[in-house]
Amino acid sequence: MATGEGYTAAMSRLAFALLTAFTLAGCAQPAAPPAPAAPGPDPLPGTRLSIDALKGQMFHVSAGQRLKGAWPNGARVAVGLSFDVDNATATLSTGNLDYEVISRGEYGAVDGLPRILRMLDRQQVPASFFIPAVSAVLHPGMIKEIQAGAPGHEIGVHGWIHERLPLLNDEKEEQRLLTQSIDTLTTMTGKRPIGYRAPSWKFSGWTMGQVKAAGFLYDSSLMASDDPYELLLDGKPTGVVELPIERILDDFPYFGGNADGSNPSIADVYEVFQSEFDVAYEEGGLYLLTMHPHITGHRSRTAMLERLVQYMKRKPGVWFATHEQIALRVKPLMTQK
């Protein structure tokens, strides 16, 4: 053990070492501040656009001449029942392999669609079925079942795999999928479809031009009016009839999506659907319902729909028609001024 001067010298060296360490630590460079986050997308880009730019956006796809005319045989109202036969395609398009969700979509092909077709056959009313091509390929028996329906149902295009076109955001890929969808359904049905409904009712900036170029008679994705109208593209007539849809006349907000079956009141939904019909009847316009076999195809909901059809049939002057028949009826009005 060090004593005397040795001990003192050792302690001095230790103190000097500690002092040096603390001094160097105090003189160390401070950590660099974090780099500023990259700016996110502007949440309000429209605030800095000119009126002309806003007009260009607003009226890229817009409503032209309204096509509200006399229905055949003196009917007061045209009723178009439509079904989007999505099944599991919206889920598969995102790569979501949650088989609980996929099985709920599959229900549309297994039980939902056959139940709806039996109801339509009992009531002898036609309907329009918009089918993602992948949905038809995965369950090809659906095409034969629809075509065997006694009233003469219609099959229309509803995308390839229920892709969301604004999210796809690719003009060439959107065109490829549209062409592929038309070709597939033409081969499977034996007839080129003349009606189009965008998946999720969502257009991209290219959709209207592609729909027009494909020669569709009508679209049924937009909602600028209660009644049919001609679609304009950048202010110019397209010759394409719009048969407008409406979210309050769709089963999905009530029983699907965020609701996810949480609305148990069939009566509430029936009241909305019937009230909308009553006003359309008084106004002499168009009444168009959008439904899905994997949602409305459940037992109690198909029963609700059948009750509504029976209610409408009791009214004089109700014309039940496919979307194709309705569009063909109003198309000639485009040439009248």
Protein backbone atom coordinates (compact mmCIF):
# COMPACT_ATOMS: atom_id res chain seq x y z
CA MET A 1 0.00 0.00 0.00
CA ALA A 2 1.44 3.40 -1.02
CA THR A 3 2.27 5.76 1.84
CA GLY A 4 3.47 9.29 2.27
CA GLU A 5 4.57 11.05 -0.88
CA GLY A 6 3.72 8.03 -3.09
CA TYR A 7 0.14 8.00 -1.93
CA THR A 8 -0.22 11.73 -2.47
CA ALA A 9 1.23 11.50 -5.97
CA ALA A 10 -1.16 8.66 -6.91
CA MET A 11 -4.20 10.61 -5.71
CA SER A 12 -3.05 13.67 -7.66
CA ARG A 13 -2.78 11.65 -10.87
CA LEU A 14 -6.32 10.20 -10.32
CA ALA A 15 -7.80 13.64 -9.69
CA PHE A 16 -6.10 14.99 -12.82
CA ALA A 17 -7.48 12.12 -14.92
CA LEU A 18 -11.02 12.65 -13.63
CA LEU A 19 -10.83 16.39 -14.21
CA THR A 20 -9.56 15.85 -17.75
CA ALA A 21 -12.40 13.42 -18.51
CA PHE A 22 -15.10 15.80 -17.24
CA THR A 23 -13.55 18.68 -19.16
CA LEU A 24 -13.46 16.76 -22.42
CA ALA A 25 -17.09 15.64 -21.91
CA GLY A 26 -18.16 19.21 -21.38
CA CYS A 27 -16.39 20.32 -24.53
CA ALA A 28 -17.90 17.57 -26.70
CA GLN A 29 -19.99 18.70 -29.67
CA PRO A 30 -23.76 18.58 -29.02
CA ALA A 31 -25.79 16.05 -31.00
CA ALA A 32 -27.05 17.36 -34.33
CA PRO A 33 -30.76 18.29 -34.30
CA PRO A 34 -33.03 15.91 -36.23
CA ALA A 35 -33.58 16.77 -39.87
CA PRO A 36 -36.93 18.48 -40.48
CA ALA A 37 -39.64 16.12 -41.68
CA ALA A 38 -40.41 16.23 -45.36
CA PRO A 39 -43.54 18.29 -45.99
CA GLY A 40 -46.66 16.19 -46.44
CA PRO A 41 -49.21 16.64 -49.20
CA ASP A 42 -51.00 19.97 -49.15
CA PRO A 43 -54.35 19.31 -47.42
CA LEU A 44 -56.03 22.28 -49.14
CA PRO A 45 -54.56 22.64 -52.63
CA GLY A 46 -57.75 24.19 -53.96
CA THR A 47 -57.25 27.34 -51.89
CA ARG A 48 -54.49 28.52 -54.22
CA LEU A 49 -56.06 27.61 -57.56
CA SER A 50 -57.57 30.12 -59.94
CA ILE A 51 -61.27 30.01 -60.77
CA ASP A 52 -60.39 28.74 -64.25
CA ALA A 53 -58.35 25.90 -62.75
CA LEU A 54 -61.19 25.03 -60.38
CA LYS A 55 -63.65 25.04 -63.29
CA GLY A 56 -61.39 22.62 -65.12
CA GLN A 57 -61.43 20.24 -62.16
CA MET A 58 -65.12 20.65 -61.39
CA PHE A 59 -66.32 20.12 -64.95
CA HIS A 60 -63.81 17.55 -66.20
CA VAL A 61 -66.67 15.03 -65.79
CA SER A 62 -70.05 16.65 -65.26
CA ALA A 63 -73.77 16.57 -65.92
CA GLY A 64 -75.08 17.63 -69.29
CA GLN A 65 -78.59 17.48 -70.66
CA ARG A 66 -81.08 15.83 -68.33
CA LEU A 67 -82.84 12.94 -70.00
CA LYS A 68 -86.14 12.80 -68.16
CA GLY A 69 -88.77 11.64 -70.58
CA ALA A 70 -91.92 9.59 -70.83
CA TRP A 71 -91.56 5.96 -69.77
CA PRO A 72 -93.18 3.23 -71.89
CA ASN A 73 -96.87 2.37 -71.68
CA GLY A 74 -97.63 5.49 -69.68
CA ALA A 75 -95.56 4.38 -66.69
CA ARG A 76 -94.96 6.99 -64.00
CA VAL A 77 -91.61 5.71 -62.75
CA ALA A 78 -88.78 3.49 -63.96
CA VAL A 79 -87.35 1.09 -61.38
CA GLY A 80 -83.85 -0.24 -61.92
CA LEU A 81 -82.66 -2.89 -59.48
CA SER A 82 -78.89 -3.35 -59.60
CA PHE A 83 -76.50 -5.71 -57.87
CA ASP A 84 -72.73 -5.30 -57.63
CA VAL A 85 -71.47 -8.88 -57.52
CA ASP A 86 -68.20 -8.03 -55.78
CA ASN A 87 -67.95 -11.12 -53.59
CA ALA A 88 -64.35 -11.11 -52.26
CA THR A 89 -62.68 -9.13 -55.05
CA ALA A 90 -62.39 -5.85 -53.12
CA THR A 91 -60.53 -7.77 -50.40
CA LEU A 92 -58.33 -9.71 -52.83
CA SER A 93 -57.40 -6.54 -54.71
CA THR A 94 -55.60 -5.23 -51.62
CA GLY A 95 -53.78 -8.50 -50.89
CA ASN A 96 -55.72 -8.95 -47.66
CA LEU A 97 -55.80 -12.71 -46.97
CA ASP A 98 -58.06 -12.53 -43.94
CA TYR A 99 -60.19 -15.57 -44.68
CA GLU A 100 -62.96 -14.49 -42.35
CA VAL A 101 -63.44 -11.47 -44.61
CA ILE A 102 -62.90 -13.49 -47.79
CA SER A 103 -65.50 -16.05 -46.71
CA ARG A 104 -68.05 -13.30 -46.17
CA GLY A 105 -67.48 -12.22 -49.75
CA GLU A 106 -67.75 -15.82 -50.93
CA TYR A 107 -71.19 -15.93 -49.34
CA GLY A 108 -72.39 -13.79 -52.23
CA ALA A 109 -71.67 -16.55 -54.73
CA VAL A 110 -72.65 -19.51 -52.54
CA ASP A 111 -75.98 -18.38 -51.03
CA GLY A 112 -76.55 -14.66 -51.64
CA LEU A 113 -76.87 -14.54 -55.42
CA PRO A 114 -78.98 -17.71 -55.76
CA ARG A 115 -81.39 -16.42 -53.10
CA ILE A 116 -81.73 -13.05 -54.85
CA LEU A 117 -82.26 -14.72 -58.23
CA ARG A 118 -85.00 -16.92 -56.78
CA MET A 119 -86.74 -13.84 -55.41
CA LEU A 120 -86.50 -11.99 -58.73
CA ASP A 121 -87.87 -15.06 -60.48
CA ARG A 122 -90.84 -15.20 -58.10
CA GLN A 123 -91.59 -11.54 -58.68
CA GLN A 124 -90.80 -11.69 -62.41
CA VAL A 125 -88.74 -8.50 -62.42
CA PRO A 126 -85.43 -7.96 -64.24
CA ALA A 127 -82.22 -6.63 -62.73
CA SER A 128 -78.74 -5.51 -63.76
CA PHE A 129 -75.67 -7.27 -62.36
CA PHE A 130 -72.32 -5.46 -62.42
CA ILE A 131 -69.53 -7.97 -62.00
CA PRO A 132 -65.78 -7.57 -61.52
CA ALA A 133 -64.31 -9.94 -64.09
CA VAL A 134 -62.24 -11.77 -61.48
CA SER A 135 -65.42 -12.42 -59.50
CA ALA A 136 -66.93 -14.10 -62.56
CA VAL A 137 -63.79 -16.13 -63.27
CA LEU A 138 -63.57 -17.39 -59.68
CA HIS A 139 -67.27 -18.40 -59.67
CA PRO A 140 -68.20 -18.96 -63.34
CA GLY A 141 -71.47 -20.63 -62.38
CA MET A 142 -72.83 -17.21 -61.42
CA ILE A 143 -72.98 -16.14 -65.07
CA LYS A 144 -75.11 -19.12 -66.02
CA GLU A 145 -77.38 -18.59 -63.01
CA ILE A 146 -77.95 -14.93 -63.91
CA GLN A 147 -78.57 -15.69 -67.57
CA ALA A 148 -81.07 -18.40 -66.65
CA GLY A 149 -83.21 -15.84 -64.82
CA ALA A 150 -86.67 -15.71 -66.36
CA PRO A 151 -87.01 -11.90 -66.64
CA GLY A 152 -83.87 -11.50 -68.77
CA HIS A 153 -81.23 -9.94 -66.56
CA GLU A 154 -78.31 -7.80 -67.71
CA ILE A 155 -74.59 -8.18 -66.94
CA GLY A 156 -72.35 -5.10 -66.89
CA VAL A 157 -68.68 -4.28 -66.26
CA HIS A 158 -67.50 -3.48 -62.73
CA GLY A 159 -63.73 -3.48 -63.13
CA TRP A 160 -61.24 -6.32 -63.15
CA ILE A 161 -60.75 -7.03 -59.41
CA HIS A 162 -62.70 -4.14 -57.89
CA GLU A 163 -59.58 -1.95 -58.16
CA ARG A 164 -59.83 1.61 -56.83
CA LEU A 165 -58.93 3.64 -59.90
CA PRO A 166 -57.70 6.83 -58.16
CA LEU A 167 -55.40 4.68 -56.03
CA LEU A 168 -54.18 2.79 -59.10
CA ASN A 169 -53.36 6.18 -60.66
CA ASP A 170 -51.96 4.73 -63.87
CA GLU A 171 -53.61 5.48 -67.22
CA LYS A 172 -52.11 2.56 -69.13
CA GLU A 173 -52.77 0.05 -66.37
CA GLU A 174 -56.35 1.28 -66.01
CA GLN A 175 -56.87 0.85 -69.75
CA ARG A 176 -55.36 -2.65 -69.65
CA LEU A 177 -57.67 -3.71 -66.83
CA LEU A 178 -60.75 -2.24 -68.53
CA THR A 179 -59.99 -3.99 -71.82
CA GLN A 180 -59.31 -7.23 -69.99
CA SER A 181 -62.59 -6.92 -68.08
CA ILE A 182 -64.64 -6.30 -71.24
CA ASP A 183 -62.99 -9.18 -73.10
CA THR A 184 -63.45 -11.61 -70.21
CA LEU A 185 -67.13 -10.84 -69.66
CA THR A 186 -67.80 -10.86 -73.41
CA THR A 187 -66.33 -14.35 -73.65
CA MET A 188 -68.17 -15.63 -70.59
CA THR A 189 -71.58 -14.12 -71.42
CA GLY A 190 -71.54 -14.29 -75.20
CA LYS A 191 -72.39 -10.59 -75.42
CA ARG A 192 -70.27 -7.46 -75.15
CA PRO A 193 -71.48 -5.53 -72.08
CA ILE A 194 -72.80 -2.04 -72.82
CA GLY A 195 -73.06 -0.82 -69.20
CA TYR A 196 -70.24 0.28 -66.91
CA ARG A 197 -70.08 0.91 -63.17
CA ALA A 198 -66.75 1.98 -61.69
CA PRO A 199 -65.48 -0.09 -58.75
CA SER A 200 -66.39 1.77 -55.55
CA TRP A 201 -67.99 4.36 -57.89
CA LYS A 202 -64.55 6.03 -58.12
CA PHE A 203 -63.30 7.62 -61.35
CA SER A 204 -59.74 8.58 -62.08
CA GLY A 205 -58.94 11.46 -64.38
CA TRP A 206 -58.85 9.01 -67.32
CA THR A 207 -61.93 6.88 -66.61
CA MET A 208 -64.54 8.89 -68.48
CA GLY A 209 -62.41 9.10 -71.62
CA GLN A 210 -61.80 5.36 -71.56
CA VAL A 211 -65.49 4.57 -70.95
CA LYS A 212 -66.46 6.75 -73.92
CA ALA A 213 -63.78 5.25 -76.16
CA ALA A 214 -64.90 1.72 -75.24
CA GLY A 215 -68.35 2.49 -76.66
CA PHE A 216 -70.42 1.96 -73.53
CA LEU A 217 -74.05 3.02 -73.83
CA TYR A 218 -74.22 4.13 -70.22
CA ASP A 219 -72.38 4.56 -66.95
CA SER A 220 -73.90 4.12 -63.51
CA SER A 221 -71.33 5.47 -61.05
CA LEU A 222 -72.12 9.14 -60.44
CA MET A 223 -74.81 11.12 -58.69
CA ALA A 224 -75.31 14.64 -60.07
CA SER A 225 -79.07 14.17 -60.48
CA ASP A 226 -81.94 11.93 -59.48
CA ASP A 227 -82.73 11.25 -63.13
CA PRO A 228 -80.71 10.17 -66.18
CA TYR A 229 -78.46 12.72 -67.85
CA GLU A 230 -75.81 12.91 -70.54
CA LEU A 231 -72.22 12.91 -69.33
CA LEU A 232 -69.92 15.73 -70.37
CA LEU A 233 -66.15 15.41 -70.66
CA ASP A 234 -64.36 18.75 -70.35
CA GLY A 235 -67.64 20.44 -71.20
CA LYS A 236 -68.30 18.42 -74.35
CA PRO A 237 -71.13 15.87 -74.78
CA THR A 238 -69.94 12.27 -74.70
CA GLY A 239 -73.05 10.49 -75.92
CA VAL A 240 -72.87 8.35 -72.76
CA VAL A 241 -75.98 8.14 -70.59
CA GLU A 242 -75.53 8.44 -66.83
CA LEU A 243 -77.95 6.39 -64.71
CA PRO A 244 -77.17 7.97 -61.35
CA ILE A 245 -76.72 6.07 -58.14
CA GLU A 246 -77.04 7.37 -54.56
CA ARG A 247 -75.50 6.19 -51.30
CA ILE A 248 -78.76 6.31 -49.37
CA LEU A 249 -80.14 3.87 -51.96
CA ASP A 250 -77.28 1.42 -51.46
CA ASP A 251 -77.24 -1.45 -48.97
CA PHE A 252 -73.53 -1.04 -48.18
CA PRO A 253 -73.68 2.06 -45.92
CA TYR A 254 -76.32 0.36 -43.78
CA PHE A 255 -75.07 -3.22 -43.59
CA GLY A 256 -71.49 -3.29 -44.87
CA GLY A 257 -68.31 -1.24 -44.68
CA ASN A 258 -68.00 0.56 -41.37
CA ALA A 259 -71.47 -0.63 -40.35
CA ASP A 260 -70.32 -4.24 -40.83
CA GLY A 261 -73.76 -5.58 -40.03
CA SER A 262 -74.15 -3.47 -36.91
CA ASN A 263 -77.45 -1.96 -38.05
CA PRO A 264 -79.95 -4.65 -37.15
CA SER A 265 -83.04 -2.65 -38.12
CA ILE A 266 -84.37 -3.94 -41.41
CA ALA A 267 -87.39 -1.68 -40.87
CA ASP A 268 -85.30 1.50 -40.86
CA VAL A 269 -83.62 0.66 -44.16
CA TYR A 270 -86.93 -0.39 -45.69
CA GLU A 271 -88.44 2.95 -44.69
CA VAL A 272 -85.67 4.89 -46.44
CA PHE A 273 -85.93 2.79 -49.61
CA GLN A 274 -89.73 3.03 -49.71
CA SER A 275 -89.78 6.77 -49.03
CA GLU A 276 -87.35 7.40 -51.88
CA PHE A 277 -89.53 5.34 -54.19
CA ASP A 278 -92.66 7.22 -53.18
CA VAL A 279 -91.12 10.56 -54.10
CA ALA A 280 -89.70 9.20 -57.38
CA TYR A 281 -93.20 7.93 -58.18
CA GLU A 282 -94.76 11.33 -57.52
CA GLU A 283 -92.11 13.12 -59.58
CA GLY A 284 -92.30 10.63 -62.44
CA GLY A 285 -88.58 9.90 -62.47
CA LEU A 286 -86.03 7.14 -62.00
CA TYR A 287 -85.68 4.91 -58.94
CA LEU A 288 -82.41 3.00 -58.86
CA LEU A 289 -81.26 0.68 -56.06
CA THR A 290 -77.70 -0.61 -55.65
CA MET A 291 -77.22 -3.82 -53.67
CA HIS A 292 -74.65 -6.57 -53.19
CA PRO A 293 -75.37 -10.32 -53.06
CA HIS A 294 -72.95 -10.83 -50.15
CA ILE A 295 -74.92 -8.21 -48.18
CA THR A 296 -78.56 -8.16 -49.31
CA GLY A 297 -78.38 -11.87 -50.14
CA HIS A 298 -78.78 -12.73 -46.47
CA ARG A 299 -82.18 -14.15 -45.58
CA SER A 300 -83.84 -11.27 -43.76
CA ARG A 301 -82.51 -8.67 -46.19
CA THR A 302 -83.68 -10.49 -49.30
CA ALA A 303 -87.07 -10.76 -47.61
CA MET A 304 -87.00 -6.98 -47.07
CA LEU A 305 -86.19 -6.41 -50.73
CA GLU A 306 -88.98 -8.72 -51.85
CA ARG A 307 -91.43 -6.84 -49.65
CA LEU A 308 -90.31 -3.59 -51.28
CA VAL A 309 -90.73 -5.04 -54.77
CA GLN A 310 -94.22 -6.21 -53.87
CA TYR A 311 -95.04 -2.73 -52.55
CA MET A 312 -93.87 -1.10 -55.77
CA LYS A 313 -95.76 -3.58 -57.93
CA ARG A 314 -99.03 -2.65 -56.23
CA LYS A 315 -98.69 0.89 -57.58
CA PRO A 316 -100.05 1.49 -61.09
CA GLY A 317 -97.59 2.60 -63.73
CA VAL A 318 -94.30 1.16 -62.41
CA TRP A 319 -91.86 0.01 -65.10
CA PHE A 320 -89.28 -2.52 -63.87
CA ALA A 321 -86.39 -2.54 -66.32
CA THR A 322 -82.71 -3.32 -66.67
CA HIS A 323 -80.30 -0.43 -66.82
CA GLU A 324 -79.75 -1.21 -70.48
CA GLN A 325 -83.46 -0.87 -71.21
CA ILE A 326 -83.66 2.43 -69.32
CA ALA A 327 -80.59 3.85 -71.08
CA LEU A 328 -81.94 2.84 -74.49
CA ARG A 329 -85.20 4.55 -73.63
CA VAL A 330 -83.63 7.92 -72.77
CA LYS A 331 -80.73 7.90 -75.28
CA PRO A 332 -82.82 9.41 -78.12
CA LEU A 333 -83.56 12.43 -75.94
CA MET A 334 -79.95 13.59 -76.40
CA THR A 335 -80.74 14.75 -79.91
CA GLN A 336 -83.78 16.80 -78.84
CA LYS A 337 -83.30 20.46 -77.98
